[in-house]
Amino acid sequence: WASFEEARLAMAERGPLVEGRDGNLVKNPAAQ
């Protein structure tokens, strides 16, 4: 539950897509 809540907050803050190492948008790892 604590991991879920932390990831949920990260998703809320950054959204479902984040910048990858190449500068492209990638799926937020918090979703997994």
PDB file of all heavy atoms in Angstrom:
ATOM      1  N   TRP A   1       0.837  -1.205   0.000  1.00  0.00           N
ATOM      2  CA  TRP A   1       0.000   0.000   0.000  1.00  0.00           C
ATOM      3  C   TRP A   1       0.874   1.257   0.000  1.00  0.00           C
ATOM      4  O   TRP A   1       0.614   2.197  -0.749  1.00  0.00           O
ATOM      5  CB  TRP A   1      -0.952   0.033   1.192  1.00  0.00           C
ATOM      6  CG  TRP A   1      -1.513   1.399   1.393  1.00  0.00           C
ATOM      7  CD1 TRP A   1      -1.181   2.284   2.376  1.00  0.00           C
ATOM      8  CD2 TRP A   1      -2.440   2.089   0.549  1.00  0.00           C
ATOM      9  NE1 TRP A   1      -1.863   3.468   2.204  1.00  0.00           N
ATOM     10  CE2 TRP A   1      -2.644   3.375   1.079  1.00  0.00           C
ATOM     11  CE3 TRP A   1      -3.115   1.740  -0.616  1.00  0.00           C
ATOM     12  CZ2 TRP A   1      -3.491   4.308   0.490  1.00  0.00           C
ATOM     13  CZ3 TRP A   1      -3.957   2.672  -1.190  1.00  0.00           C
ATOM     14  CH2 TRP A   1      -4.141   3.927  -0.632  1.00  0.00           C
ATOM     15  N   ALA A   2       1.915   1.282   0.816  1.00  0.00           N
ATOM     16  CA  ALA A   2       2.793   2.459   0.884  1.00  0.00           C
ATOM     17  C   ALA A   2       3.482   2.694  -0.463  1.00  0.00           C
ATOM     18  O   ALA A   2       3.579   3.837  -0.918  1.00  0.00           O
ATOM     19  CB  ALA A   2       3.823   2.286   2.002  1.00  0.00           C
ATOM     20  N   SER A   3       3.936   1.620  -1.119  1.00  0.00           N
ATOM     21  CA  SER A   3       4.556   1.763  -2.440  1.00  0.00           C
ATOM     22  C   SER A   3       3.551   2.269  -3.456  1.00  0.00           C
ATOM     23  O   SER A   3       3.858   3.133  -4.285  1.00  0.00           O
ATOM     24  CB  SER A   3       5.114   0.424  -2.916  1.00  0.00           C
ATOM     25  OG  SER A   3       6.181   0.021  -2.107  1.00  0.00           O
ATOM     26  N   PHE A   4       2.351   1.733  -3.416  1.00  0.00           N
ATOM     27  CA  PHE A   4       1.290   2.175  -4.324  1.00  0.00           C
ATOM     28  C   PHE A   4       1.016   3.662  -4.148  1.00  0.00           C
ATOM     29  O   PHE A   4       0.946   4.411  -5.119  1.00  0.00           O
ATOM     30  CB  PHE A   4       0.010   1.370  -4.075  1.00  0.00           C
ATOM     31  CG  PHE A   4      -1.135   1.789  -4.941  1.00  0.00           C
ATOM     32  CD1 PHE A   4      -1.322   1.214  -6.183  1.00  0.00           C
ATOM     33  CD2 PHE A   4      -2.035   2.761  -4.518  1.00  0.00           C
ATOM     34  CE1 PHE A   4      -2.376   1.606  -6.996  1.00  0.00           C
ATOM     35  CE2 PHE A   4      -3.087   3.162  -5.324  1.00  0.00           C
ATOM     36  CZ  PHE A   4      -3.259   2.577  -6.568  1.00  0.00           C
ATOM     37  N   GLU A   5       0.879   4.088  -2.913  1.00  0.00           N
ATOM     38  CA  GLU A   5       0.557   5.497  -2.641  1.00  0.00           C
ATOM     39  C   GLU A   5       1.687   6.425  -3.081  1.00  0.00           C
ATOM     40  O   GLU A   5       1.441   7.489  -3.653  1.00  0.00           O
ATOM     41  CB  GLU A   5       0.240   5.678  -1.155  1.00  0.00           C
ATOM     42  CG  GLU A   5      -0.162   7.067  -0.765  1.00  0.00           C
ATOM     43  CD  GLU A   5      -1.447   7.572  -1.427  1.00  0.00           C
ATOM     44  OE1 GLU A   5      -2.156   6.790  -2.091  1.00  0.00           O
ATOM     45  OE2 GLU A   5      -1.729   8.776  -1.284  1.00  0.00           O
ATOM     46  N   GLU A   6       2.924   6.020  -2.846  1.00  0.00           N
ATOM     47  CA  GLU A   6       4.061   6.838  -3.282  1.00  0.00           C
ATOM     48  C   GLU A   6       4.093   6.955  -4.809  1.00  0.00           C
ATOM     49  O   GLU A   6       4.298   8.042  -5.364  1.00  0.00           O
ATOM     50  CB  GLU A   6       5.366   6.233  -2.769  1.00  0.00           C
ATOM     51  CG  GLU A   6       6.580   7.087  -3.050  1.00  0.00           C
ATOM     52  CD  GLU A   6       7.854   6.512  -2.443  1.00  0.00           C
ATOM     53  OE1 GLU A   6       7.777   5.728  -1.484  1.00  0.00           O
ATOM     54  OE2 GLU A   6       8.933   6.861  -2.947  1.00  0.00           O
ATOM     55  N   ALA A   7       3.864   5.836  -5.496  1.00  0.00           N
ATOM     56  CA  ALA A   7       3.836   5.858  -6.961  1.00  0.00           C
ATOM     57  C   ALA A   7       2.643   6.664  -7.476  1.00  0.00           C
ATOM     58  O   ALA A   7       2.752   7.388  -8.464  1.00  0.00           O
ATOM     59  CB  ALA A   7       3.792   4.431  -7.500  1.00  0.00           C
ATOM     60  N   ARG A   8       1.507   6.559  -6.795  1.00  0.00           N
ATOM     61  CA  ARG A   8       0.325   7.329  -7.192  1.00  0.00           C
ATOM     62  C   ARG A   8       0.592   8.820  -7.114  1.00  0.00           C
ATOM     63  O   ARG A   8       0.246   9.585  -8.016  1.00  0.00           O
ATOM     64  CB  ARG A   8      -0.867   6.956  -6.315  1.00  0.00           C
ATOM     65  CG  ARG A   8      -2.192   7.574  -6.777  1.00  0.00           C
ATOM     66  CD  ARG A   8      -3.272   7.382  -5.740  1.00  0.00           C
ATOM     67  NE  ARG A   8      -3.017   8.143  -4.537  1.00  0.00           N
ATOM     68  CZ  ARG A   8      -3.224   9.463  -4.421  1.00  0.00           C
ATOM     69  NH1 ARG A   8      -3.663  10.170  -5.438  1.00  0.00           N
ATOM     70  NH2 ARG A   8      -2.977  10.081  -3.282  1.00  0.00           N
ATOM     71  N   LEU A   9       1.251   9.240  -6.057  1.00  0.00           N
ATOM     72  CA  LEU A   9       1.589  10.657  -5.909  1.00  0.00           C
ATOM     73  C   LEU A   9       2.576  11.094  -6.987  1.00  0.00           C
ATOM     74  O   LEU A   9       2.471  12.211  -7.524  1.00  0.00           O
ATOM     75  CB  LEU A   9       2.140  10.928  -4.513  1.00  0.00           C
ATOM     76  CG  LEU A   9       1.131  10.780  -3.367  1.00  0.00           C
ATOM     77  CD1 LEU A   9       1.836  10.876  -2.020  1.00  0.00           C
ATOM     78  CD2 LEU A   9       0.012  11.792  -3.483  1.00  0.00           C
ATOM     79  N   ALA A  10       3.544  10.236  -7.334  1.00  0.00           N
ATOM     80  CA  ALA A  10       4.498  10.561  -8.398  1.00  0.00           C
ATOM     81  C   ALA A  10       3.776  10.692  -9.739  1.00  0.00           C
ATOM     82  O   ALA A  10       4.084  11.589 -10.539  1.00  0.00           O
ATOM     83  CB  ALA A  10       5.595   9.497  -8.479  1.00  0.00           C
ATOM     84  N   MET A  11       2.813   9.815  -9.981  1.00  0.00           N
ATOM     85  CA  MET A  11       2.026   9.906 -11.219  1.00  0.00           C
ATOM     86  C   MET A  11       1.205  11.196 -11.237  1.00  0.00           C
ATOM     87  O   MET A  11       1.106  11.858 -12.275  1.00  0.00           O
ATOM     88  CB  MET A  11       1.087   8.701 -11.349  1.00  0.00           C
ATOM     89  CG  MET A  11       1.769   7.422 -11.708  1.00  0.00           C
ATOM     90  SD  MET A  11       2.194   7.323 -13.442  1.00  0.00           S
ATOM     91  CE  MET A  11       0.585   7.155 -14.164  1.00  0.00           C
ATOM     92  N   ALA A  12       0.641  11.556 -10.103  1.00  0.00           N
ATOM     93  CA  ALA A  12      -0.161  12.780 -10.036  1.00  0.00           C
ATOM     94  C   ALA A  12       0.713  14.008 -10.283  1.00  0.00           C
ATOM     95  O   ALA A  12       0.288  14.969 -10.917  1.00  0.00           O
ATOM     96  CB  ALA A  12      -0.859  12.879  -8.684  1.00  0.00           C
ATOM     97  N   GLU A  13       1.945  13.964  -9.790  1.00  0.00           N
ATOM     98  CA  GLU A  13       2.848  15.104  -9.938  1.00  0.00           C
ATOM     99  C   GLU A  13       3.422  15.208 -11.351  1.00  0.00           C
ATOM    100  O   GLU A  13       3.495  16.299 -11.923  1.00  0.00           O
ATOM    101  CB  GLU A  13       3.996  14.976  -8.925  1.00  0.00           C
ATOM    102  CG  GLU A  13       4.999  16.110  -8.983  1.00  0.00           C
ATOM    103  CD  GLU A  13       6.132  15.907  -7.997  1.00  0.00           C
ATOM    104  OE1 GLU A  13       5.876  15.420  -6.881  1.00  0.00           O
ATOM    105  OE2 GLU A  13       7.280  16.229  -8.363  1.00  0.00           O
ATOM    106  N   ARG A  14       3.833  14.084 -11.932  1.00  0.00           N
ATOM    107  CA  ARG A  14       4.541  14.124 -13.207  1.00  0.00           C
ATOM    108  C   ARG A  14       3.711  13.679 -14.402  1.00  0.00           C
ATOM    109  O   ARG A  14       4.117  13.883 -15.536  1.00  0.00           O
ATOM    110  CB  ARG A  14       5.796  13.255 -13.112  1.00  0.00           C
ATOM    111  CG  ARG A  14       6.783  13.809 -12.096  1.00  0.00           C
ATOM    112  CD  ARG A  14       8.043  12.963 -12.044  1.00  0.00           C
ATOM    113  NE  ARG A  14       8.850  13.363 -10.913  1.00  0.00           N
ATOM    114  CZ  ARG A  14       8.849  12.754  -9.736  1.00  0.00           C
ATOM    115  NH1 ARG A  14       8.087  11.714  -9.530  1.00  0.00           N
ATOM    116  NH2 ARG A  14       9.626  13.174  -8.762  1.00  0.00           N
ATOM    117  N   GLY A  15       2.585  13.008 -14.143  1.00  0.00           N
ATOM    118  CA  GLY A  15       1.741  12.531 -15.232  1.00  0.00           C
ATOM    119  C   GLY A  15       2.162  11.169 -15.737  1.00  0.00           C
ATOM    120  O   GLY A  15       3.173  10.608 -15.299  1.00  0.00           O
ATOM    121  N   PRO A  16       1.413  10.620 -16.692  1.00  0.00           N
ATOM    122  CA  PRO A  16       1.699   9.269 -17.174  1.00  0.00           C
ATOM    123  C   PRO A  16       2.915   9.187 -18.098  1.00  0.00           C
ATOM    124  O   PRO A  16       3.443   8.104 -18.311  1.00  0.00           O
ATOM    125  CB  PRO A  16       0.423   8.892 -17.930  1.00  0.00           C
ATOM    126  CG  PRO A  16      -0.176  10.192 -18.331  1.00  0.00           C
ATOM    127  CD  PRO A  16       0.195  11.175 -17.258  1.00  0.00           C
ATOM    128  N   LEU A  17       3.359  10.321 -18.651  1.00  0.00           N
ATOM    129  CA  LEU A  17       4.537  10.327 -19.518  1.00  0.00           C
ATOM    130  C   LEU A  17       5.609  11.227 -18.924  1.00  0.00           C
ATOM    131  O   LEU A  17       5.309  12.298 -18.402  1.00  0.00           O
ATOM    132  CB  LEU A  17       4.172  10.832 -20.922  1.00  0.00           C
ATOM    133  CG  LEU A  17       3.154   9.991 -21.693  1.00  0.00           C
ATOM    134  CD1 LEU A  17       2.786  10.676 -23.000  1.00  0.00           C
ATOM    135  CD2 LEU A  17       3.681   8.582 -21.945  1.00  0.00           C
ATOM    136  N   VAL A  18       6.842  10.763 -18.981  1.00  0.00           N
ATOM    137  CA  VAL A  18       7.980  11.546 -18.479  1.00  0.00           C
ATOM    138  C   VAL A  18       9.070  11.537 -19.540  1.00  0.00           C
ATOM    139  O   VAL A  18       9.057  10.713 -20.456  1.00  0.00           O
ATOM    140  CB  VAL A  18       8.524  10.980 -17.140  1.00  0.00           C
ATOM    141  CG1 VAL A  18       7.498  11.099 -16.028  1.00  0.00           C
ATOM    142  CG2 VAL A  18       8.979   9.543 -17.300  1.00  0.00           C
ATOM    143  N   GLU A  19       9.999  12.431 -19.397  1.00  0.00           N
ATOM    144  CA  GLU A  19      11.098  12.509 -20.357  1.00  0.00           C
ATOM    145  C   GLU A  19      12.076  11.372 -20.097  1.00  0.00           C
ATOM    146  O   GLU A  19      12.547  11.150 -18.982  1.00  0.00           O
ATOM    147  CB  GLU A  19      11.815  13.858 -20.224  1.00  0.00           C
ATOM    148  CG  GLU A  19      12.837  14.102 -21.303  1.00  0.00           C
ATOM    149  CD  GLU A  19      13.432  15.493 -21.222  1.00  0.00           C
ATOM    150  OE1 GLU A  19      12.689  16.446 -20.919  1.00  0.00           O
ATOM    151  OE2 GLU A  19      14.651  15.609 -21.453  1.00  0.00           O
ATOM    152  N   GLY A  20      12.395  10.621 -21.156  1.00  0.00           N
ATOM    153  CA  GLY A  20      13.358   9.526 -21.064  1.00  0.00           C
ATOM    154  C   GLY A  20      14.780  10.040 -21.200  1.00  0.00           C
ATOM    155  O   GLY A  20      15.018  11.236 -21.391  1.00  0.00           O
ATOM    156  N   ARG A  21      15.754   9.141 -21.164  1.00  0.00           N
ATOM    157  CA  ARG A  21      17.162   9.557 -21.219  1.00  0.00           C
ATOM    158  C   ARG A  21      17.541  10.174 -22.564  1.00  0.00           C
ATOM    159  O   ARG A  21      18.483  10.925 -22.652  1.00  0.00           O
ATOM    160  CB  ARG A  21      18.084   8.411 -20.849  1.00  0.00           C
ATOM    161  CG  ARG A  21      18.222   7.335 -21.894  1.00  0.00           C
ATOM    162  CD  ARG A  21      19.178   6.279 -21.427  1.00  0.00           C
ATOM    163  NE  ARG A  21      18.383   5.264 -20.743  1.00  0.00           N
ATOM    164  CZ  ARG A  21      18.537   3.979 -20.917  1.00  0.00           C
ATOM    165  NH1 ARG A  21      19.487   3.527 -21.679  1.00  0.00           N
ATOM    166  NH2 ARG A  21      17.768   3.123 -20.306  1.00  0.00           N
ATOM    167  N   ASP A  22      16.786   9.842 -23.613  1.00  0.00           N
ATOM    168  CA  ASP A  22      17.057  10.414 -24.932  1.00  0.00           C
ATOM    169  C   ASP A  22      16.233  11.672 -25.192  1.00  0.00           C
ATOM    170  O   ASP A  22      16.270  12.213 -26.295  1.00  0.00           O
ATOM    171  CB  ASP A  22      16.761   9.395 -26.033  1.00  0.00           C
ATOM    172  CG  ASP A  22      17.665   8.175 -25.942  1.00  0.00           C
ATOM    173  OD1 ASP A  22      18.797   8.326 -25.457  1.00  0.00           O
ATOM    174  OD2 ASP A  22      17.235   7.083 -26.355  1.00  0.00           O
ATOM    175  N   GLY A  23      15.491  12.119 -24.198  1.00  0.00           N
ATOM    176  CA  GLY A  23      14.665  13.305 -24.366  1.00  0.00           C
ATOM    177  C   GLY A  23      13.277  13.015 -24.918  1.00  0.00           C
ATOM    178  O   GLY A  23      12.448  13.907 -25.009  1.00  0.00           O
ATOM    179  N   ASN A  24      13.012  11.771 -25.291  1.00  0.00           N
ATOM    180  CA  ASN A  24      11.689  11.384 -25.766  1.00  0.00           C
ATOM    181  C   ASN A  24      10.762  11.133 -24.589  1.00  0.00           C
ATOM    182  O   ASN A  24      11.214  10.817 -23.483  1.00  0.00           O
ATOM    183  CB  ASN A  24      11.761  10.101 -26.605  1.00  0.00           C
ATOM    184  CG  ASN A  24      12.597  10.275 -27.842  1.00  0.00           C
ATOM    185  OD1 ASN A  24      12.701  11.383 -28.369  1.00  0.00           O
ATOM    186  ND2 ASN A  24      13.201   9.195 -28.298  1.00  0.00           N
ATOM    187  N   LEU A  25       9.463  11.230 -24.812  1.00  0.00           N
ATOM    188  CA  LEU A  25       8.502  10.896 -23.773  1.00  0.00           C
ATOM    189  C   LEU A  25       8.384   9.379 -23.662  1.00  0.00           C
ATOM    190  O   LEU A  25       8.288   8.673 -24.663  1.00  0.00           O
ATOM    191  CB  LEU A  25       7.140  11.511 -24.091  1.00  0.00           C
ATOM    192  CG  LEU A  25       7.056  13.023 -23.964  1.00  0.00           C
ATOM    193  CD1 LEU A  25       5.666  13.509 -24.345  1.00  0.00           C
ATOM    194  CD2 LEU A  25       7.420  13.489 -22.564  1.00  0.00           C
ATOM    195  N   VAL A  26       8.405   8.906 -22.424  1.00  0.00           N
ATOM    196  CA  VAL A  26       8.252   7.478 -22.131  1.00  0.00           C
ATOM    197  C   VAL A  26       7.224   7.311 -21.027  1.00  0.00           C
ATOM    198  O   VAL A  26       6.890   8.261 -20.311  1.00  0.00           O
ATOM    199  CB  VAL A  26       9.597   6.827 -21.705  1.00  0.00           C
ATOM    200  CG1 VAL A  26      10.621   6.895 -22.824  1.00  0.00           C
ATOM    201  CG2 VAL A  26      10.133   7.464 -20.445  1.00  0.00           C
ATOM    202  N   LYS A  27       6.735   6.093 -20.886  1.00  0.00           N
ATOM    203  CA  LYS A  27       5.774   5.806 -19.819  1.00  0.00           C
ATOM    204  C   LYS A  27       6.440   6.025 -18.460  1.00  0.00           C
ATOM    205  O   LYS A  27       7.572   5.593 -18.234  1.00  0.00           O
ATOM    206  CB  LYS A  27       5.279   4.375 -19.949  1.00  0.00           C
ATOM    207  CG  LYS A  27       4.222   3.990 -18.945  1.00  0.00           C
ATOM    208  CD  LYS A  27       3.593   2.642 -19.243  1.00  0.00           C
ATOM    209  CE  LYS A  27       4.562   1.530 -18.998  1.00  0.00           C
ATOM    210  NZ  LYS A  27       3.957   0.204 -19.096  1.00  0.00           N
ATOM    211  N   ASN A  28       5.743   6.706 -17.575  1.00  0.00           N
ATOM    212  CA  ASN A  28       6.244   6.961 -16.226  1.00  0.00           C
ATOM    213  C   ASN A  28       6.459   5.618 -15.515  1.00  0.00           C
ATOM    214  O   ASN A  28       5.532   4.815 -15.428  1.00  0.00           O
ATOM    215  CB  ASN A  28       5.228   7.824 -15.471  1.00  0.00           C
ATOM    216  CG  ASN A  28       5.750   8.330 -14.153  1.00  0.00           C
ATOM    217  OD1 ASN A  28       6.609   7.724 -13.535  1.00  0.00           O
ATOM    218  ND2 ASN A  28       5.208   9.451 -13.708  1.00  0.00           N
ATOM    219  N   PRO A  29       7.673   5.336 -15.007  1.00  0.00           N
ATOM    220  CA  PRO A  29       7.923   4.079 -14.291  1.00  0.00           C
ATOM    221  C   PRO A  29       7.016   3.897 -13.071  1.00  0.00           C
ATOM    222  O   PRO A  29       6.788   2.767 -12.636  1.00  0.00           O
ATOM    223  CB  PRO A  29       9.387   4.178 -13.858  1.00  0.00           C
ATOM    224  CG  PRO A  29       9.988   5.237 -14.707  1.00  0.00           C
ATOM    225  CD  PRO A  29       8.881   6.160 -15.112  1.00  0.00           C
ATOM    226  N   ALA A  30       6.479   4.980 -12.563  1.00  0.00           N
ATOM    227  CA  ALA A  30       5.574   4.875 -11.419  1.00  0.00           C
ATOM    228  C   ALA A  30       4.326   4.072 -11.770  1.00  0.00           C
ATOM    229  O   ALA A  30       3.723   3.442 -10.899  1.00  0.00           O
ATOM    230  CB  ALA A  30       5.194   6.260 -10.912  1.00  0.00           C
ATOM    231  N   ALA A  31       3.940   4.058 -13.051  1.00  0.00           N
ATOM    232  CA  ALA A  31       2.767   3.279 -13.461  1.00  0.00           C
ATOM    233  C   ALA A  31       2.998   1.789 -13.197  1.00  0.00           C
ATOM    234  O   ALA A  31       2.091   1.091 -12.723  1.00  0.00           O
ATOM    235  CB  ALA A  31       2.457   3.523 -14.935  1.00  0.00           C
ATOM    236  N   GLN A  32       4.188   1.294 -13.479  1.00  0.00           N
ATOM    237  CA  GLN A  32       4.493  -0.120 -13.231  1.00  0.00           C
ATOM    238  C   GLN A  32       4.558  -0.407 -11.735  1.00  0.00           C
ATOM    239  O   GLN A  32       4.103  -1.458 -11.279  1.00  0.00           O
ATOM    240  CB  GLN A  32       5.808  -0.531 -13.905  1.00  0.00           C
ATOM    241  CG  GLN A  32       6.139  -2.003 -13.765  1.00  0.00           C
ATOM    242  CD  GLN A  32       5.128  -2.886 -14.476  1.00  0.00           C
ATOM    243  OE1 GLN A  32       4.772  -2.623 -15.612  1.00  0.00           O
ATOM    244  NE2 GLN A  32       4.660  -3.927 -13.814  1.00  0.00           N
TER     245      GLN A  32
END
